[in-house]
Amino acid sequence: MPYNITMTDDTLTRFRRAYWQVLRQLDTVRLRQWERSQVTLPQLRVLFQVRRTPGITTGELSRVLGITVSTTSGLVIKLVERGLLDRRSVPGDRRQGPLVLTEAGAELAGELSDAGRPFMQAVGETLGDDLPWVLAALERLAEATVAVREREGDGDEATALTATGEVSR
């Protein structure tokens, strides 16, 4: 199917409706687990970024997340106080404290990542022979969202899902 077809208002409405319905259904399990963790969305972003890049500094983290250093520092302090992050020290430079997940932080991030896996497995099995087609459509959707974000000047934050479900930048 060509990617430059003209969309009718009805097609776009159906697309938006289907997108939000799928998002709500697929996110339910993960969101329940997240709510139980009592971690805010900004804190969750910090945890997952530190998991992706162990040893990242607060300054680097603020640039990646697109928030101020003081906001990032406040988030880090709360996560350190909860025992989810550890701020290591660099001899001679207090400001360059590499961040790593504690065992509890790694466990929480893993739980949040794994929460939806059984559900997604069941959905994939239910799709059966349609799974390769749905997968191709989802990969194309991910590419299109990255392209639109880059075109609209939001390329630094553009992300795409890899085959393993991890987010790549």
C-alpha atoms as a PDB file:
ATOM      1  CA  MET A   1       0.000   0.000   0.000  1.00  0.00           C
ATOM      2  CA  PRO A   2       1.490   3.376  -0.958  1.00  0.00           C
ATOM      3  CA  TYR A   3       2.312   5.728   1.895  1.00  0.00           C
ATOM      4  CA  ASN A   4       1.224   8.849   0.048  1.00  0.00           C
ATOM      5  CA  ILE A   5      -2.465   7.996  -0.322  1.00  0.00           C
ATOM      6  CA  THR A   6      -4.964  10.732   0.459  1.00  0.00           C
ATOM      7  CA  MET A   7      -6.730  10.156   3.753  1.00  0.00           C
ATOM      8  CA  THR A   8     -10.409  10.965   4.031  1.00  0.00           C
ATOM      9  CA  ASP A   9     -11.778  12.506   7.206  1.00  0.00           C
ATOM     10  CA  ASP A  10     -13.542   9.202   7.890  1.00  0.00           C
ATOM     11  CA  THR A  11     -10.281   7.247   7.518  1.00  0.00           C
ATOM     12  CA  LEU A  12      -8.439   9.609   9.855  1.00  0.00           C
ATOM     13  CA  THR A  13     -11.270   9.432  12.383  1.00  0.00           C
ATOM     14  CA  ARG A  14     -11.200   5.621  12.282  1.00  0.00           C
ATOM     15  CA  PHE A  15      -7.392   5.686  12.613  1.00  0.00           C
ATOM     16  CA  ARG A  16      -7.522   7.961  15.670  1.00  0.00           C
ATOM     17  CA  ARG A  17     -10.304   5.920  17.270  1.00  0.00           C
ATOM     18  CA  ALA A  18      -8.522   2.595  16.673  1.00  0.00           C
ATOM     19  CA  TYR A  19      -5.188   4.021  17.861  1.00  0.00           C
ATOM     20  CA  TRP A  20      -6.605   5.233  21.187  1.00  0.00           C
ATOM     21  CA  GLN A  21      -8.626   2.057  21.716  1.00  0.00           C
ATOM     22  CA  VAL A  22      -5.541  -0.120  21.208  1.00  0.00           C
ATOM     23  CA  LEU A  23      -3.379   2.147  23.362  1.00  0.00           C
ATOM     24  CA  ARG A  24      -5.891   2.013  26.231  1.00  0.00           C
ATOM     25  CA  GLN A  25      -6.254  -1.749  26.008  1.00  0.00           C
ATOM     26  CA  LEU A  26      -2.532  -2.492  25.774  1.00  0.00           C
ATOM     27  CA  ASP A  27      -1.487  -0.028  28.462  1.00  0.00           C
ATOM     28  CA  THR A  28      -3.970  -1.116  31.132  1.00  0.00           C
ATOM     29  CA  VAL A  29      -1.756  -3.789  32.722  1.00  0.00           C
ATOM     30  CA  ARG A  30       1.397  -1.667  32.624  1.00  0.00           C
ATOM     31  CA  LEU A  31      -0.369   1.415  34.007  1.00  0.00           C
ATOM     32  CA  ARG A  32      -1.828  -0.569  36.924  1.00  0.00           C
ATOM     33  CA  GLN A  33       1.658  -1.760  37.829  1.00  0.00           C
ATOM     34  CA  TRP A  34       3.025   1.774  37.473  1.00  0.00           C
ATOM     35  CA  GLU A  35       0.332   3.181  39.774  1.00  0.00           C
ATOM     36  CA  ARG A  36       1.236   0.604  42.435  1.00  0.00           C
ATOM     37  CA  SER A  37       4.898   1.655  42.247  1.00  0.00           C
ATOM     38  CA  GLN A  38       4.015   5.222  43.300  1.00  0.00           C
ATOM     39  CA  VAL A  39       6.607   6.681  40.940  1.00  0.00           C
ATOM     40  CA  THR A  40       5.692   9.810  38.993  1.00  0.00           C
ATOM     41  CA  LEU A  41       5.996   9.883  35.216  1.00  0.00           C
ATOM     42  CA  PRO A  42       9.034  12.212  35.321  1.00  0.00           C
ATOM     43  CA  GLN A  43      10.686   9.904  37.883  1.00  0.00           C
ATOM     44  CA  LEU A  44       9.886   6.936  35.673  1.00  0.00           C
ATOM     45  CA  ARG A  45      11.548   8.662  32.712  1.00  0.00           C
ATOM     46  CA  VAL A  46      14.672   9.154  34.848  1.00  0.00           C
ATOM     47  CA  LEU A  47      14.695   5.506  35.959  1.00  0.00           C
ATOM     48  CA  PHE A  48      14.378   4.162  32.426  1.00  0.00           C
ATOM     49  CA  GLN A  49      17.004   6.553  31.051  1.00  0.00           C
ATOM     50  CA  VAL A  50      19.482   5.591  33.784  1.00  0.00           C
ATOM     51  CA  ARG A  51      18.738   1.947  33.043  1.00  0.00           C
ATOM     52  CA  ARG A  52      19.529   2.564  29.352  1.00  0.00           C
ATOM     53  CA  THR A  53      22.678   4.564  30.110  1.00  0.00           C
ATOM     54  CA  PRO A  54      24.197   3.576  33.474  1.00  0.00           C
ATOM     55  CA  GLY A  55      26.702   6.155  34.679  1.00  0.00           C
ATOM     56  CA  ILE A  56      24.899   9.097  33.064  1.00  0.00           C
ATOM     57  CA  THR A  57      25.339  12.357  34.980  1.00  0.00           C
ATOM     58  CA  THR A  58      22.539  14.675  36.063  1.00  0.00           C
ATOM     59  CA  GLY A  59      23.597  17.225  33.428  1.00  0.00           C
ATOM     60  CA  GLU A  60      23.587  14.644  30.645  1.00  0.00           C
ATOM     61  CA  LEU A  61      20.271  13.307  31.894  1.00  0.00           C
ATOM     62  CA  SER A  62      18.693  16.764  31.818  1.00  0.00           C
ATOM     63  CA  ARG A  63      19.773  17.230  28.184  1.00  0.00           C
ATOM     64  CA  VAL A  64      18.432  13.821  27.130  1.00  0.00           C
ATOM     65  CA  LEU A  65      15.107  14.366  28.905  1.00  0.00           C
ATOM     66  CA  GLY A  66      14.819  17.981  27.747  1.00  0.00           C
ATOM     67  CA  ILE A  67      14.309  19.416  31.242  1.00  0.00           C
ATOM     68  CA  THR A  68      16.333  21.795  33.395  1.00  0.00           C
ATOM     69  CA  VAL A  69      19.251  20.605  35.501  1.00  0.00           C
ATOM     70  CA  SER A  70      17.507  21.774  38.681  1.00  0.00           C
ATOM     71  CA  THR A  71      14.353  19.811  37.828  1.00  0.00           C
ATOM     72  CA  THR A  72      16.452  16.755  36.985  1.00  0.00           C
ATOM     73  CA  SER A  73      18.410  17.144  40.203  1.00  0.00           C
ATOM     74  CA  GLY A  74      15.171  17.245  42.227  1.00  0.00           C
ATOM     75  CA  LEU A  75      13.931  14.068  40.532  1.00  0.00           C
ATOM     76  CA  VAL A  76      17.259  12.346  41.161  1.00  0.00           C
ATOM     77  CA  ILE A  77      17.230  13.371  44.840  1.00  0.00           C
ATOM     78  CA  LYS A  78      13.743  11.880  45.319  1.00  0.00           C
ATOM     79  CA  LEU A  79      14.766   8.629  43.618  1.00  0.00           C
ATOM     80  CA  VAL A  80      17.965   8.432  45.685  1.00  0.00           C
ATOM     81  CA  GLU A  81      15.915   9.005  48.865  1.00  0.00           C
ATOM     82  CA  ARG A  82      13.569   6.156  47.835  1.00  0.00           C
ATOM     83  CA  GLY A  83      16.560   3.882  47.320  1.00  0.00           C
ATOM     84  CA  LEU A  84      15.949   3.485  43.579  1.00  0.00           C
ATOM     85  CA  LEU A  85      19.008   5.398  42.323  1.00  0.00           C
ATOM     86  CA  ASP A  86      22.570   5.644  43.527  1.00  0.00           C
ATOM     87  CA  ARG A  87      24.713   8.693  42.849  1.00  0.00           C
ATOM     88  CA  ARG A  88      28.355   7.668  42.638  1.00  0.00           C
ATOM     89  CA  SER A  89      31.173  10.114  43.195  1.00  0.00           C
ATOM     90  CA  VAL A  90      34.000  11.107  40.896  1.00  0.00           C
ATOM     91  CA  PRO A  91      37.201  12.069  42.752  1.00  0.00           C
ATOM     92  CA  GLY A  92      37.827  15.793  42.421  1.00  0.00           C
ATOM     93  CA  ASP A  93      34.420  16.711  40.926  1.00  0.00           C
ATOM     94  CA  ARG A  94      31.307  16.492  43.090  1.00  0.00           C
ATOM     95  CA  ARG A  95      29.108  17.677  40.235  1.00  0.00           C
ATOM     96  CA  GLN A  96      29.932  14.727  37.981  1.00  0.00           C
ATOM     97  CA  GLY A  97      28.148  12.046  40.009  1.00  0.00           C
ATOM     98  CA  PRO A  98      27.390   9.130  37.695  1.00  0.00           C
ATOM     99  CA  LEU A  99      23.937   7.690  38.304  1.00  0.00           C
ATOM    100  CA  VAL A 100      23.122   3.986  38.471  1.00  0.00           C
ATOM    101  CA  LEU A 101      20.047   2.042  39.455  1.00  0.00           C
ATOM    102  CA  THR A 102      20.131   0.360  42.826  1.00  0.00           C
ATOM    103  CA  GLU A 103      18.992  -3.231  43.067  1.00  0.00           C
ATOM    104  CA  ALA A 104      15.532  -1.960  44.061  1.00  0.00           C
ATOM    105  CA  GLY A 105      15.519   0.491  41.129  1.00  0.00           C
ATOM    106  CA  ALA A 106      16.514  -2.214  38.656  1.00  0.00           C
ATOM    107  CA  GLU A 107      13.857  -4.521  40.076  1.00  0.00           C
ATOM    108  CA  LEU A 108      11.160  -1.845  39.773  1.00  0.00           C
ATOM    109  CA  ALA A 109      12.171  -0.901  36.221  1.00  0.00           C
ATOM    110  CA  GLY A 110      12.165  -4.577  35.297  1.00  0.00           C
ATOM    111  CA  GLU A 111       8.732  -5.131  36.851  1.00  0.00           C
ATOM    112  CA  LEU A 112       7.323  -2.177  34.964  1.00  0.00           C
ATOM    113  CA  SER A 113       8.877  -3.382  31.699  1.00  0.00           C
ATOM    114  CA  ASP A 114       7.721  -6.967  32.220  1.00  0.00           C
ATOM    115  CA  ALA A 115       4.210  -6.199  33.484  1.00  0.00           C
ATOM    116  CA  GLY A 116       2.583  -6.284  30.064  1.00  0.00           C
ATOM    117  CA  ARG A 117       4.588  -9.146  28.533  1.00  0.00           C
ATOM    118  CA  PRO A 118       2.146 -11.984  29.289  1.00  0.00           C
ATOM    119  CA  PHE A 119      -0.749  -9.884  28.013  1.00  0.00           C
ATOM    120  CA  MET A 120       1.157  -8.970  24.838  1.00  0.00           C
ATOM    121  CA  GLN A 121       2.055 -12.649  24.367  1.00  0.00           C
ATOM    122  CA  ALA A 122      -1.640 -13.549  24.540  1.00  0.00           C
ATOM    123  CA  VAL A 123      -2.555 -10.767  22.097  1.00  0.00           C
ATOM    124  CA  GLY A 124       0.140 -11.958  19.667  1.00  0.00           C
ATOM    125  CA  GLU A 125      -1.123 -15.531  19.920  1.00  0.00           C
ATOM    126  CA  THR A 126      -4.703 -14.356  19.381  1.00  0.00           C
ATOM    127  CA  LEU A 127      -3.622 -12.519  16.205  1.00  0.00           C
ATOM    128  CA  GLY A 128      -2.202 -15.790  14.903  1.00  0.00           C
ATOM    129  CA  ASP A 129      -1.487 -15.605  11.167  1.00  0.00           C
ATOM    130  CA  ASP A 130      -2.275 -11.871  11.162  1.00  0.00           C
ATOM    131  CA  LEU A 131       0.676 -11.134  13.490  1.00  0.00           C
ATOM    132  CA  PRO A 132       3.287 -10.544  10.713  1.00  0.00           C
ATOM    133  CA  TRP A 133       0.943  -8.089   8.962  1.00  0.00           C
ATOM    134  CA  VAL A 134       0.144  -6.263  12.225  1.00  0.00           C
ATOM    135  CA  LEU A 135       3.851  -6.168  13.105  1.00  0.00           C
ATOM    136  CA  ALA A 136       4.708  -4.629   9.724  1.00  0.00           C
ATOM    137  CA  ALA A 137       1.963  -2.015  10.200  1.00  0.00           C
ATOM    138  CA  LEU A 138       3.210  -1.163  13.704  1.00  0.00           C
ATOM    139  CA  GLU A 139       6.805  -0.833  12.508  1.00  0.00           C
ATOM    140  CA  ARG A 140       5.621   1.484   9.733  1.00  0.00           C
ATOM    141  CA  LEU A 141       3.610   3.498  12.273  1.00  0.00           C
ATOM    142  CA  ALA A 142       6.714   3.854  14.466  1.00  0.00           C
ATOM    143  CA  GLU A 143       8.731   5.074  11.453  1.00  0.00           C
ATOM    144  CA  ALA A 144       6.004   7.577  10.524  1.00  0.00           C
ATOM    145  CA  THR A 145       5.819   9.003  14.053  1.00  0.00           C
ATOM    146  CA  VAL A 146       9.595   9.498  14.144  1.00  0.00           C
ATOM    147  CA  ALA A 147       9.519  11.166  10.720  1.00  0.00           C
ATOM    148  CA  VAL A 148       6.733  13.557  11.740  1.00  0.00           C
ATOM    149  CA  ARG A 149       8.448  14.461  15.013  1.00  0.00           C
ATOM    150  CA  GLU A 150      11.735  15.132  13.209  1.00  0.00           C
ATOM    151  CA  ARG A 151       9.965  17.178  10.537  1.00  0.00           C
ATOM    152  CA  GLU A 152       8.232  19.228  13.244  1.00  0.00           C
ATOM    153  CA  GLY A 153      11.541  19.974  14.957  1.00  0.00           C
ATOM    154  CA  ASP A 154      11.126  17.480  17.768  1.00  0.00           C
ATOM    155  CA  GLY A 155      13.801  15.141  16.413  1.00  0.00           C
ATOM    156  CA  ASP A 156      15.905  15.118  19.599  1.00  0.00           C
ATOM    157  CA  GLU A 157      13.091  13.387  21.423  1.00  0.00           C
ATOM    158  CA  ALA A 158      12.001  11.193  18.499  1.00  0.00           C
ATOM    159  CA  THR A 159      11.942   7.539  19.406  1.00  0.00           C
ATOM    160  CA  ALA A 160      11.165   4.262  17.704  1.00  0.00           C
ATOM    161  CA  LEU A 161      10.436   0.815  19.063  1.00  0.00           C
ATOM    162  CA  THR A 162      12.847  -1.917  18.181  1.00  0.00           C
ATOM    163  CA  ALA A 163      11.793  -5.513  17.601  1.00  0.00           C
ATOM    164  CA  THR A 164      12.409  -6.281  21.300  1.00  0.00           C
ATOM    165  CA  GLY A 165      10.080  -3.512  22.442  1.00  0.00           C
ATOM    166  CA  GLU A 166      12.924  -1.315  23.680  1.00  0.00           C
ATOM    167  CA  VAL A 167      12.973   2.345  22.758  1.00  0.00           C
ATOM    168  CA  SER A 168      15.845   3.506  20.585  1.00  0.00           C
ATOM    169  CA  ARG A 169      16.960   7.082  19.968  1.00  0.00           C
END
